[in-house]
PDB file of N, CA and C in Angstrom:
ATOM      1  N   MET A   1      66.320 123.753  73.494  1.00  0.00           N
ATOM      2  CA  MET A   1      65.168 123.180  74.222  1.00  0.00           C
ATOM      3  C   MET A   1      64.053 124.990  74.112  1.00  0.00           C
ATOM      4  N   PRO A   2      63.028 124.356  73.833  1.00  0.00           N
ATOM      5  CA  PRO A   2      61.990 125.375  73.287  1.00  0.00           C
ATOM      6  C   PRO A   2      61.745 126.293  74.677  1.00  0.00           C
ATOM      7  N   GLU A   3      61.479 127.461  74.238  1.00  0.00           N
ATOM      8  CA  GLU A   3      61.368 128.542  75.171  1.00  0.00           C
ATOM      9  C   GLU A   3      59.542 128.650  75.788  1.00  0.00           C
ATOM     10  N   ILE A   4      59.670 128.611  76.812  1.00  0.00           N
ATOM     11  CA  ILE A   4      58.769 128.199  78.040  1.00  0.00           C
ATOM     12  C   ILE A   4      57.926 130.097  77.733  1.00  0.00           C
ATOM     13  N   SER A   5      56.647 130.053  77.740  1.00  0.00           N
ATOM     14  CA  SER A   5      56.114 131.424  77.840  1.00  0.00           C
ATOM     15  C   SER A   5      55.917 131.694  79.331  1.00  0.00           C
ATOM     16  N   GLN A   6      55.665 133.130  79.435  1.00  0.00           N
ATOM     17  CA  GLN A   6      55.614 133.580  80.711  1.00  0.00           C
ATOM     18  C   GLN A   6      54.357 133.512  81.444  1.00  0.00           C
ATOM     19  N   ASP A   7      53.573 133.177  80.766  1.00  0.00           N
ATOM     20  CA  ASP A   7      52.013 132.855  81.240  1.00  0.00           C
ATOM     21  C   ASP A   7      52.280 131.056  81.783  1.00  0.00           C
ATOM     22  N   TYR A   8      53.193 130.561  81.717  1.00  0.00           N
ATOM     23  CA  TYR A   8      53.428 129.251  81.873  1.00  0.00           C
ATOM     24  C   TYR A   8      54.578 129.276  83.536  1.00  0.00           C
ATOM     25  N   TRP A   9      55.237 130.121  83.309  1.00  0.00           N
ATOM     26  CA  TRP A   9      55.969 130.297  84.540  1.00  0.00           C
ATOM     27  C   TRP A   9      55.260 130.905  85.715  1.00  0.00           C
ATOM     28  N   GLU A  10      54.329 131.637  85.276  1.00  0.00           N
ATOM     29  CA  GLU A  10      53.461 132.249  86.189  1.00  0.00           C
ATOM     30  C   GLU A  10      52.069 131.225  86.985  1.00  0.00           C
ATOM     31  N   ASN A  11      51.514 130.430  85.696  1.00  0.00           N
ATOM     32  CA  ASN A  11      51.056 129.722  86.487  1.00  0.00           C
ATOM     33  C   ASN A  11      51.645 128.522  87.478  1.00  0.00           C
ATOM     34  N   PHE A  12      52.884 127.927  86.966  1.00  0.00           N
ATOM     35  CA  PHE A  12      54.034 127.209  87.679  1.00  0.00           C
ATOM     36  C   PHE A  12      53.824 127.800  89.243  1.00  0.00           C
ATOM     37  N   ILE A  13      54.302 128.819  89.615  1.00  0.00           N
ATOM     38  CA  ILE A  13      54.501 129.498  90.588  1.00  0.00           C
ATOM     39  C   ILE A  13      53.372 129.745  91.245  1.00  0.00           C
ATOM     40  N   ALA A  14      52.437 130.153  90.717  1.00  0.00           N
ATOM     41  CA  ALA A  14      50.919 130.000  91.469  1.00  0.00           C
ATOM     42  C   ALA A  14      50.725 128.556  92.228  1.00  0.00           C
ATOM     43  N   ILE A  15      51.066 127.600  91.172  1.00  0.00           N
ATOM     44  CA  ILE A  15      50.552 125.941  91.658  1.00  0.00           C
ATOM     45  C   ILE A  15      51.857 125.609  92.915  1.00  0.00           C
ATOM     46  N   ILE A  16      52.639 125.921  92.495  1.00  0.00           N
ATOM     47  CA  ILE A  16      53.675 125.612  93.480  1.00  0.00           C
ATOM     48  C   ILE A  16      53.279 126.159  95.106  1.00  0.00           C
ATOM     49  N   MET A  17      53.389 127.699  94.574  1.00  0.00           N
ATOM     50  CA  MET A  17      52.978 128.335  96.213  1.00  0.00           C
ATOM     51  C   MET A  17      51.332 128.002  96.534  1.00  0.00           C
ATOM     52  N   ALA A  18      50.315 127.419  95.576  1.00  0.00           N
ATOM     53  CA  ALA A  18      49.318 127.027  96.608  1.00  0.00           C
ATOM     54  C   ALA A  18      49.675 125.934  97.360  1.00  0.00           C
ATOM     55  N   PHE A  19      50.143 124.756  96.848  1.00  0.00           N
ATOM     56  CA  PHE A  19      50.887 123.470  97.070  1.00  0.00           C
ATOM     57  C   PHE A  19      51.962 123.591  98.806  1.00  0.00           C
ATOM     58  N   ALA A  20      52.566 124.670  98.616  1.00  0.00           N
ATOM     59  CA  ALA A  20      53.671 125.047  99.613  1.00  0.00           C
ATOM     60  C   ALA A  20      52.767 125.599 100.936  1.00  0.00           C
ATOM     61  N   VAL A  21      51.542 126.295 100.415  1.00  0.00           N
ATOM     62  CA  VAL A  21      50.759 127.242 101.700  1.00  0.00           C
ATOM     63  C   VAL A  21      49.723 125.592 102.416  1.00  0.00           C
ATOM     64  N   LEU A  22      49.382 124.838 101.670  1.00  0.00           N
ATOM     65  CA  LEU A  22      48.676 123.555 101.850  1.00  0.00           C
ATOM     66  C   LEU A  22      49.654 123.013 102.556  1.00  0.00           C
ATOM     67  N   ALA A  23      50.767 122.855 102.355  1.00  0.00           N
ATOM     68  CA  ALA A  23      51.667 122.394 103.031  1.00  0.00           C
ATOM     69  C   ALA A  23      52.187 122.674 104.544  1.00  0.00           C
ATOM     70  N   LEU A  24      52.182 124.024 104.422  1.00  0.00           N
ATOM     71  CA  LEU A  24      52.359 124.162 105.921  1.00  0.00           C
ATOM     72  C   LEU A  24      51.329 124.202 106.728  1.00  0.00           C
ATOM     73  N   ILE A  25      49.866 124.121 106.233  1.00  0.00           N
ATOM     74  CA  ILE A  25      48.939 123.985 107.100  1.00  0.00           C
ATOM     75  C   ILE A  25      48.775 122.685 107.477  1.00  0.00           C
ATOM     76  N   ILE A  26      49.017 121.540 106.696  1.00  0.00           N
ATOM     77  CA  ILE A  26      49.218 120.397 107.249  1.00  0.00           C
ATOM     78  C   ILE A  26      50.374 120.122 108.306  1.00  0.00           C
ATOM     79  N   GLU A  27      51.364 120.589 108.142  1.00  0.00           N
ATOM     80  CA  GLU A  27      52.332 120.549 109.049  1.00  0.00           C
ATOM     81  C   GLU A  27      51.986 121.558 110.217  1.00  0.00           C
ATOM     82  N   ARG A  28      51.428 122.494 110.187  1.00  0.00           N
ATOM     83  CA  ARG A  28      50.974 123.302 111.508  1.00  0.00           C
ATOM     84  C   ARG A  28      49.763 122.313 112.064  1.00  0.00           C
ATOM     85  N   ALA A  29      48.911 122.020 111.712  1.00  0.00           N
ATOM     86  CA  ALA A  29      48.054 120.807 111.865  1.00  0.00           C
ATOM     87  C   ALA A  29      48.571 119.971 113.013  1.00  0.00           C
ATOM     88  N   LEU A  30      49.509 119.116 112.172  1.00  0.00           N
ATOM     89  CA  LEU A  30      50.071 118.048 112.560  1.00  0.00           C
ATOM     90  C   LEU A  30      51.177 118.100 113.879  1.00  0.00           C
ATOM     91  N   TYR A  31      51.770 119.680 114.010  1.00  0.00           N
ATOM     92  CA  TYR A  31      52.495 120.153 114.944  1.00  0.00           C
ATOM     93  C   TYR A  31      51.594 120.388 116.694  1.00  0.00           C
ATOM     94  N   GLN A  32      50.449 120.156 116.449  1.00  0.00           N
ATOM     95  CA  GLN A  32      49.351 120.600 117.435  1.00  0.00           C
ATOM     96  C   GLN A  32      49.381 119.172 117.795  1.00  0.00           C
ATOM     97  N   ILE A  33      49.539 118.254 117.255  1.00  0.00           N
ATOM     98  CA  ILE A  33      49.099 116.699 117.935  1.00  0.00           C
ATOM     99  C   ILE A  33      50.715 116.296 118.454  1.00  0.00           C
ATOM    100  N   PHE A  34      51.789 116.532 117.498  1.00  0.00           N
ATOM    101  CA  PHE A  34      52.800 116.076 118.292  1.00  0.00           C
ATOM    102  C   PHE A  34      54.110 116.769 119.262  1.00  0.00           C
ATOM    103  N   ASP A  35      53.114 118.212 119.402  1.00  0.00           N
ATOM    104  CA  ASP A  35      54.282 118.817 120.388  1.00  0.00           C
ATOM    105  C   ASP A  35      53.496 118.827 121.964  1.00  0.00           C
ATOM    106  N   THR A  36      52.406 117.786 121.648  1.00  0.00           N
ATOM    107  CA  THR A  36      51.682 117.557 123.209  1.00  0.00           C
ATOM    108  C   THR A  36      52.750 116.382 124.088  1.00  0.00           C
ATOM    109  N   LYS A  37      52.180 116.541 125.485  1.00  0.00           N
ATOM    110  CA  LYS A  37      52.773 115.548 126.286  1.00  0.00           C
ATOM    111  C   LYS A  37      52.355 114.223 126.114  1.00  0.00           C
ATOM    112  N   LEU A  38      51.171 114.427 125.448  1.00  0.00           N
ATOM    113  CA  LEU A  38      50.689 112.843 125.077  1.00  0.00           C
ATOM    114  C   LEU A  38      51.638 111.863 123.820  1.00  0.00           C
ATOM    115  N   TRP A  39      51.840 112.649 122.946  1.00  0.00           N
ATOM    116  CA  TRP A  39      52.596 112.530 122.248  1.00  0.00           C
ATOM    117  C   TRP A  39      53.747 112.273 122.629  1.00  0.00           C
ATOM    118  N   GLN A  40      54.641 112.914 123.551  1.00  0.00           N
ATOM    119  CA  GLN A  40      55.614 112.573 123.883  1.00  0.00           C
ATOM    120  C   GLN A  40      55.823 110.749 124.654  1.00  0.00           C
ATOM    121  N   LYS A  41      54.718 110.658 125.396  1.00  0.00           N
ATOM    122  CA  LYS A  41      54.353 109.430 126.124  1.00  0.00           C
ATOM    123  C   LYS A  41      54.732 108.271 125.105  1.00  0.00           C
ATOM    124  N   ILE A  42      53.364 108.684 124.012  1.00  0.00           N
ATOM    125  CA  ILE A  42      53.750 107.800 123.057  1.00  0.00           C
ATOM    126  C   ILE A  42      54.871 107.360 122.198  1.00  0.00           C
ATOM    127  N   GLU A  43      55.826 108.383 121.882  1.00  0.00           N
ATOM    128  CA  GLU A  43      57.029 108.398 121.439  1.00  0.00           C
ATOM    129  C   GLU A  43      57.898 107.519 122.597  1.00  0.00           C
ATOM    130  N   GLN A  44      57.809 107.650 123.988  1.00  0.00           N
ATOM    131  CA  GLN A  44      58.455 106.873 124.598  1.00  0.00           C
ATOM    132  C   GLN A  44      58.216 105.775 124.834  1.00  0.00           C
ATOM    133  N   ALA A  45      56.768 105.342 124.753  1.00  0.00           N
ATOM    134  CA  ALA A  45      56.309 103.679 124.479  1.00  0.00           C
ATOM    135  C   ALA A  45      56.932 103.435 123.469  1.00  0.00           C
ATOM    136  N   LEU A  46      56.898 103.866 122.167  1.00  0.00           N
ATOM    137  CA  LEU A  46      57.675 102.978 121.086  1.00  0.00           C
ATOM    138  C   LEU A  46      58.731 102.733 121.150  1.00  0.00           C
ATOM    139  N   ASP A  47      59.631 103.828 122.015  1.00  0.00           N
ATOM    140  CA  ASP A  47      61.165 103.579 121.920  1.00  0.00           C
ATOM    141  C   ASP A  47      61.305 102.519 122.718  1.00  0.00           C
ATOM    142  N   LYS A  48      60.282 102.383 123.914  1.00  0.00           N
ATOM    143  CA  LYS A  48      60.576 100.832 124.943  1.00  0.00           C
ATOM    144  C   LYS A  48      60.366 100.019 123.923  1.00  0.00           C
ATOM    145  N   GLN A  49      59.207  99.975 123.292  1.00  0.00           N
ATOM    146  CA  GLN A  49      59.016  98.601 122.909  1.00  0.00           C
ATOM    147  C   GLN A  49      59.985  98.021 121.613  1.00  0.00           C
ATOM    148  N   THR A  50      60.471  99.249 120.694  1.00  0.00           N
ATOM    149  CA  THR A  50      61.097  98.693 120.124  1.00  0.00           C
ATOM    150  C   THR A  50      62.591  98.428 120.254  1.00  0.00           C
ATOM    151  N   GLY A  51      63.035  98.923 121.553  1.00  0.00           N
ATOM    152  CA  GLY A  51      64.190  99.225 121.860  1.00  0.00           C
ATOM    153  C   GLY A  51      65.270  99.848 121.376  1.00  0.00           C
ATOM    154  N   TYR A  52      64.745 101.006 120.715  1.00  0.00           N
ATOM    155  CA  TYR A  52      65.116 102.018 119.906  1.00  0.00           C
ATOM    156  C   TYR A  52      64.982 103.647 119.827  1.00  0.00           C
ATOM    157  N   GLU A  53      65.697 104.530 120.602  1.00  0.00           N
ATOM    158  CA  GLU A  53      65.265 105.831 120.748  1.00  0.00           C
ATOM    159  C   GLU A  53      65.249 106.661 119.591  1.00  0.00           C
ATOM    160  N   GLY A  54      65.552 106.004 118.683  1.00  0.00           N
ATOM    161  CA  GLY A  54      65.341 107.352 117.529  1.00  0.00           C
ATOM    162  C   GLY A  54      64.459 106.573 116.401  1.00  0.00           C
ATOM    163  N   PHE A  55      63.252 105.762 116.863  1.00  0.00           N
ATOM    164  CA  PHE A  55      62.183 105.841 116.140  1.00  0.00           C
ATOM    165  C   PHE A  55      61.273 106.706 116.200  1.00  0.00           C
ATOM    166  N   ASP A  56      61.359 107.328 114.842  1.00  0.00           N
ATOM    167  CA  ASP A  56      60.352 108.268 114.604  1.00  0.00           C
ATOM    168  C   ASP A  56      59.254 107.992 113.489  1.00  0.00           C
ATOM    169  N   ILE A  57      57.894 107.859 114.093  1.00  0.00           N
ATOM    170  CA  ILE A  57      57.222 107.803 113.059  1.00  0.00           C
ATOM    171  C   ILE A  57      56.196 109.063 112.483  1.00  0.00           C
ATOM    172  N   LYS A  58      56.452 109.936 112.981  1.00  0.00           N
ATOM    173  CA  LYS A  58      56.121 111.149 112.821  1.00  0.00           C
ATOM    174  C   LYS A  58      56.347 111.311 111.126  1.00  0.00           C
ATOM    175  N   PRO A  59      57.451 111.448 110.664  1.00  0.00           N
ATOM    176  CA  PRO A  59      57.266 111.427 108.950  1.00  0.00           C
ATOM    177  C   PRO A  59      56.232 110.925 108.138  1.00  0.00           C
ATOM    178  N   TRP A  60      56.571 109.111 108.800  1.00  0.00           N
ATOM    179  CA  TRP A  60      55.524 108.709 108.072  1.00  0.00           C
ATOM    180  C   TRP A  60      53.814 108.813 108.249  1.00  0.00           C
ATOM    181  N   ILE A  61      53.547 109.516 109.537  1.00  0.00           N
ATOM    182  CA  ILE A  61      52.152 110.075 109.854  1.00  0.00           C
ATOM    183  C   ILE A  61      52.122 111.347 108.660  1.00  0.00           C
ATOM    184  N   SER A  62      52.659 111.867 108.945  1.00  0.00           N
ATOM    185  CA  SER A  62      52.566 113.106 107.781  1.00  0.00           C
ATOM    186  C   SER A  62      52.404 112.660 106.451  1.00  0.00           C
ATOM    187  N   THR A  63      53.350 112.015 105.932  1.00  0.00           N
ATOM    188  CA  THR A  63      53.236 111.229 104.524  1.00  0.00           C
ATOM    189  C   THR A  63      52.021 110.942 104.032  1.00  0.00           C
ATOM    190  N   LEU A  64      51.142 109.756 105.659  1.00  0.00           N
ATOM    191  CA  LEU A  64      49.913 109.503 105.293  1.00  0.00           C
ATOM    192  C   LEU A  64      48.728 110.349 105.157  1.00  0.00           C
ATOM    193  N   VAL A  65      49.093 111.446 106.143  1.00  0.00           N
ATOM    194  CA  VAL A  65      47.917 112.519 106.141  1.00  0.00           C
ATOM    195  C   VAL A  65      47.740 113.306 105.038  1.00  0.00           C
ATOM    196  N   SER A  66      49.303 113.585 104.337  1.00  0.00           N
ATOM    197  CA  SER A  66      49.551 114.544 103.017  1.00  0.00           C
ATOM    198  C   SER A  66      48.561 113.530 102.060  1.00  0.00           C
ATOM    199  N   ILE A  67      49.154 112.410 101.973  1.00  0.00           N
ATOM    200  CA  ILE A  67      48.784 111.401 100.646  1.00  0.00           C
ATOM    201  C   ILE A  67      46.723 111.647 100.576  1.00  0.00           C
ATOM    202  N   ILE A  68      46.182 111.425 101.949  1.00  0.00           N
ATOM    203  CA  ILE A  68      44.974 111.179 102.203  1.00  0.00           C
ATOM    204  C   ILE A  68      44.629 112.586 101.730  1.00  0.00           C
ATOM    205  N   VAL A  69      45.265 113.719 102.404  1.00  0.00           N
ATOM    206  CA  VAL A  69      44.604 115.098 101.821  1.00  0.00           C
ATOM    207  C   VAL A  69      44.565 115.043 100.310  1.00  0.00           C
ATOM    208  N   VAL A  70      45.453 114.835  99.663  1.00  0.00           N
ATOM    209  CA  VAL A  70      45.746 114.558  98.134  1.00  0.00           C
ATOM    210  C   VAL A  70      44.589 114.239  97.396  1.00  0.00           C
ATOM    211  N   TYR A  71      44.287 112.588  97.891  1.00  0.00           N
ATOM    212  CA  TYR A  71      43.414 111.776  97.140  1.00  0.00           C
ATOM    213  C   TYR A  71      41.815 112.278  97.649  1.00  0.00           C
ATOM    214  N   ARG A  72      41.673 112.650  98.983  1.00  0.00           N
ATOM    215  CA  ARG A  72      40.529 113.120  99.335  1.00  0.00           C
ATOM    216  C   ARG A  72      39.912 114.461  98.451  1.00  0.00           C
ATOM    217  N   LEU A  73      41.048 115.354  98.166  1.00  0.00           N
ATOM    218  CA  LEU A  73      40.634 116.803  97.705  1.00  0.00           C
ATOM    219  C   LEU A  73      41.476 116.289  95.924  1.00  0.00           C
ATOM    220  N   ASN A  74      41.303 115.496  95.717  1.00  0.00           N
ATOM    221  CA  ASN A  74      41.641 115.160  94.276  1.00  0.00           C
ATOM    222  C   ASN A  74      42.696 116.317  93.728  1.00  0.00           C
ATOM    223  N   LEU A  75      43.944 116.777  94.285  1.00  0.00           N
ATOM    224  CA  LEU A  75      44.993 117.707  93.893  1.00  0.00           C
ATOM    225  C   LEU A  75      45.890 117.045  93.397  1.00  0.00           C
ATOM    226  N   ASP A  76      45.938 117.118  92.313  1.00  0.00           N
ATOM    227  CA  ASP A  76      47.726 116.380  91.565  1.00  0.00           C
ATOM    228  C   ASP A  76      48.261 117.628  91.092  1.00  0.00           C
ATOM    229  N   MET A  77      49.418 118.328  91.858  1.00  0.00           N
ATOM    230  CA  MET A  77      50.008 119.362  91.079  1.00  0.00           C
ATOM    231  C   MET A  77      51.155 118.794  89.992  1.00  0.00           C
ATOM    232  N   VAL A  78      51.381 117.619  89.643  1.00  0.00           N
ATOM    233  CA  VAL A  78      51.827 117.371  88.589  1.00  0.00           C
ATOM    234  C   VAL A  78      50.844 117.582  87.432  1.00  0.00           C
ATOM    235  N   ALA A  79      49.885 116.744  87.796  1.00  0.00           N
ATOM    236  CA  ALA A  79      48.696 117.349  86.381  1.00  0.00           C
ATOM    237  C   ALA A  79      48.575 118.802  85.964  1.00  0.00           C
ATOM    238  N   MET A  80      48.232 119.538  87.272  1.00  0.00           N
ATOM    239  CA  MET A  80      47.980 120.611  87.037  1.00  0.00           C
ATOM    240  C   MET A  80      49.061 121.622  86.394  1.00  0.00           C
ATOM    241  N   ILE A  81      50.381 121.199  86.569  1.00  0.00           N
ATOM    242  CA  ILE A  81      52.025 121.935  86.479  1.00  0.00           C
ATOM    243  C   ILE A  81      51.595 121.730  84.720  1.00  0.00           C
ATOM    244  N   TYR A  82      51.605 120.130  84.260  1.00  0.00           N
ATOM    245  CA  TYR A  82      51.410 119.951  83.153  1.00  0.00           C
ATOM    246  C   TYR A  82      50.330 119.721  82.131  1.00  0.00           C
ATOM    247  N   ASP A  83      49.101 120.570  82.688  1.00  0.00           N
ATOM    248  CA  ASP A  83      48.108 120.709  82.374  1.00  0.00           C
ATOM    249  C   ASP A  83      47.642 119.392  81.807  1.00  0.00           C
ATOM    250  N   VAL A  84      47.507 118.517  82.990  1.00  0.00           N
ATOM    251  CA  VAL A  84      46.852 117.043  81.928  1.00  0.00           C
ATOM    252  C   VAL A  84      45.384 117.029  82.864  1.00  0.00           C
ATOM    253  N   ASP A  85      44.431 116.387  82.188  1.00  0.00           N
ATOM    254  CA  ASP A  85      42.974 116.525  82.418  1.00  0.00           C
ATOM    255  C   ASP A  85      43.068 115.611  83.785  1.00  0.00           C
ATOM    256  N   ARG A  86      43.239 114.272  83.515  1.00  0.00           N
ATOM    257  CA  ARG A  86      42.906 113.239  84.940  1.00  0.00           C
ATOM    258  C   ARG A  86      44.006 112.940  85.360  1.00  0.00           C
ATOM    259  N   PRO A  87      43.961 113.256  86.672  1.00  0.00           N
ATOM    260  CA  PRO A  87      44.952 113.028  87.762  1.00  0.00           C
ATOM    261  C   PRO A  87      45.464 111.540  87.883  1.00  0.00           C
ATOM    262  N   HIS A  88      46.608 111.058  87.908  1.00  0.00           N
ATOM    263  CA  HIS A  88      47.483 109.891  87.924  1.00  0.00           C
ATOM    264  C   HIS A  88      47.951 108.943  89.465  1.00  0.00           C
ATOM    265  N   ASN A  89      47.371 108.393  89.973  1.00  0.00           N
ATOM    266  CA  ASN A  89      47.712 107.779  91.269  1.00  0.00           C
ATOM    267  C   ASN A  89      49.410 107.798  91.264  1.00  0.00           C
ATOM    268  N   ILE A  90      50.200 108.074  90.375  1.00  0.00           N
ATOM    269  CA  ILE A  90      51.736 108.172  90.781  1.00  0.00           C
ATOM    270  C   ILE A  90      51.840 109.525  91.311  1.00  0.00           C
ATOM    271  N   SER A  91      51.510 110.476  90.214  1.00  0.00           N
ATOM    272  CA  SER A  91      51.515 111.984  90.858  1.00  0.00           C
ATOM    273  C   SER A  91      50.702 112.180  91.941  1.00  0.00           C
ATOM    274  N   LEU A  92      49.581 111.685  92.345  1.00  0.00           N
ATOM    275  CA  LEU A  92      49.171 112.159  93.638  1.00  0.00           C
ATOM    276  C   LEU A  92      49.780 111.712  94.338  1.00  0.00           C
ATOM    277  N   ILE A  93      50.651 110.265  94.720  1.00  0.00           N
ATOM    278  CA  ILE A  93      51.516 110.250  95.895  1.00  0.00           C
ATOM    279  C   ILE A  93      52.738 111.096  95.657  1.00  0.00           C
ATOM    280  N   LEU A  94      53.347 111.476  94.527  1.00  0.00           N
ATOM    281  CA  LEU A  94      54.206 112.444  94.702  1.00  0.00           C
ATOM    282  C   LEU A  94      53.913 113.557  95.062  1.00  0.00           C
ATOM    283  N   THR A  95      52.377 113.865  94.947  1.00  0.00           N
ATOM    284  CA  THR A  95      52.232 115.287  95.324  1.00  0.00           C
ATOM    285  C   THR A  95      52.059 115.314  96.906  1.00  0.00           C
ATOM    286  N   GLY A  96      51.362 113.955  97.603  1.00  0.00           N
ATOM    287  CA  GLY A  96      51.223 113.834  98.768  1.00  0.00           C
ATOM    288  C   GLY A  96      52.724 113.476  99.238  1.00  0.00           C
ATOM    289  N   LEU A  97      53.923 113.410  98.837  1.00  0.00           N
ATOM    290  CA  LEU A  97      55.128 113.451  99.635  1.00  0.00           C
ATOM    291  C   LEU A  97      55.614 114.615  99.376  1.00  0.00           C
ATOM    292  N   PHE A  98      55.201 115.806  98.219  1.00  0.00           N
ATOM    293  CA  PHE A  98      55.900 117.225  98.381  1.00  0.00           C
ATOM    294  C   PHE A  98      55.218 118.037  99.663  1.00  0.00           C
ATOM    295  N   LEU A  99      53.801 117.663  99.833  1.00  0.00           N
ATOM    296  CA  LEU A  99      52.984 118.104 100.779  1.00  0.00           C
ATOM    297  C   LEU A  99      53.549 117.582 101.935  1.00  0.00           C
ATOM    298  N   ALA A 100      53.913 116.534 102.369  1.00  0.00           N
ATOM    299  CA  ALA A 100      54.620 116.247 103.471  1.00  0.00           C
ATOM    300  C   ALA A 100      56.071 116.613 103.918  1.00  0.00           C
ATOM    301  N   GLY A 101      56.800 116.782 103.119  1.00  0.00           N
ATOM    302  CA  GLY A 101      57.934 117.701 103.274  1.00  0.00           C
ATOM    303  C   GLY A 101      57.960 118.952 104.224  1.00  0.00           C
ATOM    304  N   GLY A 102      56.838 119.333 104.331  1.00  0.00           N
ATOM    305  CA  GLY A 102      56.418 120.608 105.202  1.00  0.00           C
ATOM    306  C   GLY A 102      57.557 121.717 104.394  1.00  0.00           C
ATOM    307  N   SER A 103      57.742 122.665 105.357  1.00  0.00           N
ATOM    308  CA  SER A 103      58.445 124.087 105.528  1.00  0.00           C
ATOM    309  C   SER A 103      59.676 123.687 105.105  1.00  0.00           C
ATOM    310  N   THR A 104      60.408 122.669 105.642  1.00  0.00           N
ATOM    311  CA  THR A 104      61.966 122.582 105.001  1.00  0.00           C
ATOM    312  C   THR A 104      62.133 121.989 104.083  1.00  0.00           C
ATOM    313  N   GLY A 105      60.769 121.030 103.421  1.00  0.00           N
ATOM    314  CA  GLY A 105      60.881 120.803 101.976  1.00  0.00           C
ATOM    315  C   GLY A 105      60.758 121.358 100.943  1.00  0.00           C
ATOM    316  N   ILE A 106      59.879 122.499 101.683  1.00  0.00           N
ATOM    317  CA  ILE A 106      59.688 123.497 100.500  1.00  0.00           C
ATOM    318  C   ILE A 106      60.704 124.554 100.712  1.00  0.00           C
ATOM    319  N   TYR A 107      61.405 124.990 101.336  1.00  0.00           N
ATOM    320  CA  TYR A 107      62.315 125.508 101.584  1.00  0.00           C
ATOM    321  C   TYR A 107      63.543 125.193 100.923  1.00  0.00           C
ATOM    322  N   LYS A 108      63.895 123.853 100.841  1.00  0.00           N
ATOM    323  CA  LYS A 108      64.953 123.217 100.132  1.00  0.00           C
ATOM    324  C   LYS A 108      64.624 122.983  98.715  1.00  0.00           C
ATOM    325  N   PHE A 109      63.298 122.813  98.280  1.00  0.00           N
ATOM    326  CA  PHE A 109      62.691 123.037  96.838  1.00  0.00           C
ATOM    327  C   PHE A 109      63.245 123.987  96.345  1.00  0.00           C
ATOM    328  N   PHE A 110      62.543 125.176  96.731  1.00  0.00           N
ATOM    329  CA  PHE A 110      62.902 126.825  96.339  1.00  0.00           C
ATOM    330  C   PHE A 110      64.523 126.894  96.020  1.00  0.00           C
ATOM    331  N   LYS A 111      65.130 126.921  97.332  1.00  0.00           N
ATOM    332  CA  LYS A 111      66.826 127.033  97.126  1.00  0.00           C
ATOM    333  C   LYS A 111      67.451 125.987  95.659  1.00  0.00           C
ATOM    334  N   LYS A 112      66.662 124.740  95.420  1.00  0.00           N
ATOM    335  CA  LYS A 112      67.168 124.018  94.335  1.00  0.00           C
ATOM    336  C   LYS A 112      66.998 125.003  93.204  1.00  0.00           C
ATOM    337  N   ALA A 113      65.704 125.144  92.996  1.00  0.00           N
ATOM    338  CA  ALA A 113      64.898 125.587  91.941  1.00  0.00           C
ATOM    339  C   ALA A 113      65.620 126.995  91.575  1.00  0.00           C
ATOM    340  N   ARG A 114      66.061 127.717  92.843  1.00  0.00           N
ATOM    341  CA  ARG A 114      66.772 128.906  92.543  1.00  0.00           C
ATOM    342  C   ARG A 114      68.238 128.674  91.780  1.00  0.00           C
ATOM    343  N   GLN A 115      68.868 127.632  92.019  1.00  0.00           N
ATOM    344  CA  GLN A 115      69.968 127.222  91.611  1.00  0.00           C
ATOM    345  C   GLN A 115      69.655 127.128  89.989  1.00  0.00           C
ATOM    346  N   LEU A 116      68.734 126.314  90.195  1.00  0.00           N
ATOM    347  CA  LEU A 116      68.195 125.567  88.943  1.00  0.00           C
ATOM    348  C   LEU A 116      68.435 126.842  87.587  1.00  0.00           C
ATOM    349  N   ARG A 117      67.662 127.755  88.101  1.00  0.00           N
ATOM    350  CA  ARG A 117      67.416 128.915  87.192  1.00  0.00           C
ATOM    351  C   ARG A 117      68.525 129.412  87.141  1.00  0.00           C
ATOM    352  N   LYS A 118      69.260 129.811  88.037  1.00  0.00           N
ATOM    353  CA  LYS A 118      70.886 130.439  87.906  1.00  0.00           C
ATOM    354  C   LYS A 118      71.609 129.777  86.779  1.00  0.00           C
ATOM    355  N   ASP A 119      71.822 128.238  87.007  1.00  0.00           N
ATOM    356  CA  ASP A 119      72.685 127.588  85.841  1.00  0.00           C
ATOM    357  C   ASP A 119      71.816 127.793  84.254  1.00  0.00           C
ATOM    358  N   ILE A 120      70.483 127.731  84.578  1.00  0.00           N
ATOM    359  CA  ILE A 120      70.008 127.507  83.332  1.00  0.00           C
ATOM    360  C   ILE A 120      70.247 129.106  82.279  1.00  0.00           C
ATOM    361  N   LYS A 121      70.130 130.314  83.211  1.00  0.00           N
ATOM    362  CA  LYS A 121      70.553 131.435  82.536  1.00  0.00           C
ATOM    363  C   LYS A 121      71.948 131.864  82.636  1.00  0.00           C
ATOM    364  N   ASN A 122      73.048 131.276  83.138  1.00  0.00           N
ATOM    365  CA  ASN A 122      74.486 130.938  82.908  1.00  0.00           C
ATOM    366  C   ASN A 122      74.653 129.757  83.145  1.00  0.00           C
ATOM    367  N   PRO A 123      74.746 129.538  81.657  1.00  0.00           N
ATOM    368  CA  PRO A 123      75.256 127.672  81.828  1.00  0.00           C
ATOM    369  C   PRO A 123      76.924 127.460  81.598  1.00  0.00           C
ATOM    370  N   SER A 124      77.543 128.244  81.281  1.00  0.00           N
ATOM    371  CA  SER A 124      78.932 128.426  81.446  1.00  0.00           C
ATOM    372  C   SER A 124      79.700 128.781  82.704  1.00  0.00           C
ATOM    373  N   SER A 125      79.053 129.065  83.579  1.00  0.00           N
ATOM    374  CA  SER A 125      79.356 129.344  84.891  1.00  0.00           C
ATOM    375  C   SER A 125      79.290 128.266  85.831  1.00  0.00           C
TER     376      SER A 125
END
């Protein structure tokens, strides 16, 4: 495996942190809607209409909003990390899905990244 430069890792961390902040912004903005009494009424109506109390469209709305933000701002995290000139639809969608994960998704991502880093440094353990 070729050695990756310190500049690459610094750029990688900067990109991930920028997208993490954007994910938190989107999450907090949507929270303003999802935490209202009106939204609770909408959820109750959906549950009643579907006959299923676990019907939750919030993740779908979050995903849609995140993908729209990514497309409108032309933010391709994968292209930035791999230094690709043109964004691609698949990586734009992946970026939107990453953003839709919000703070929980970011926490899980960094937890996995920390474990991967530990495994790379100590492959025998």
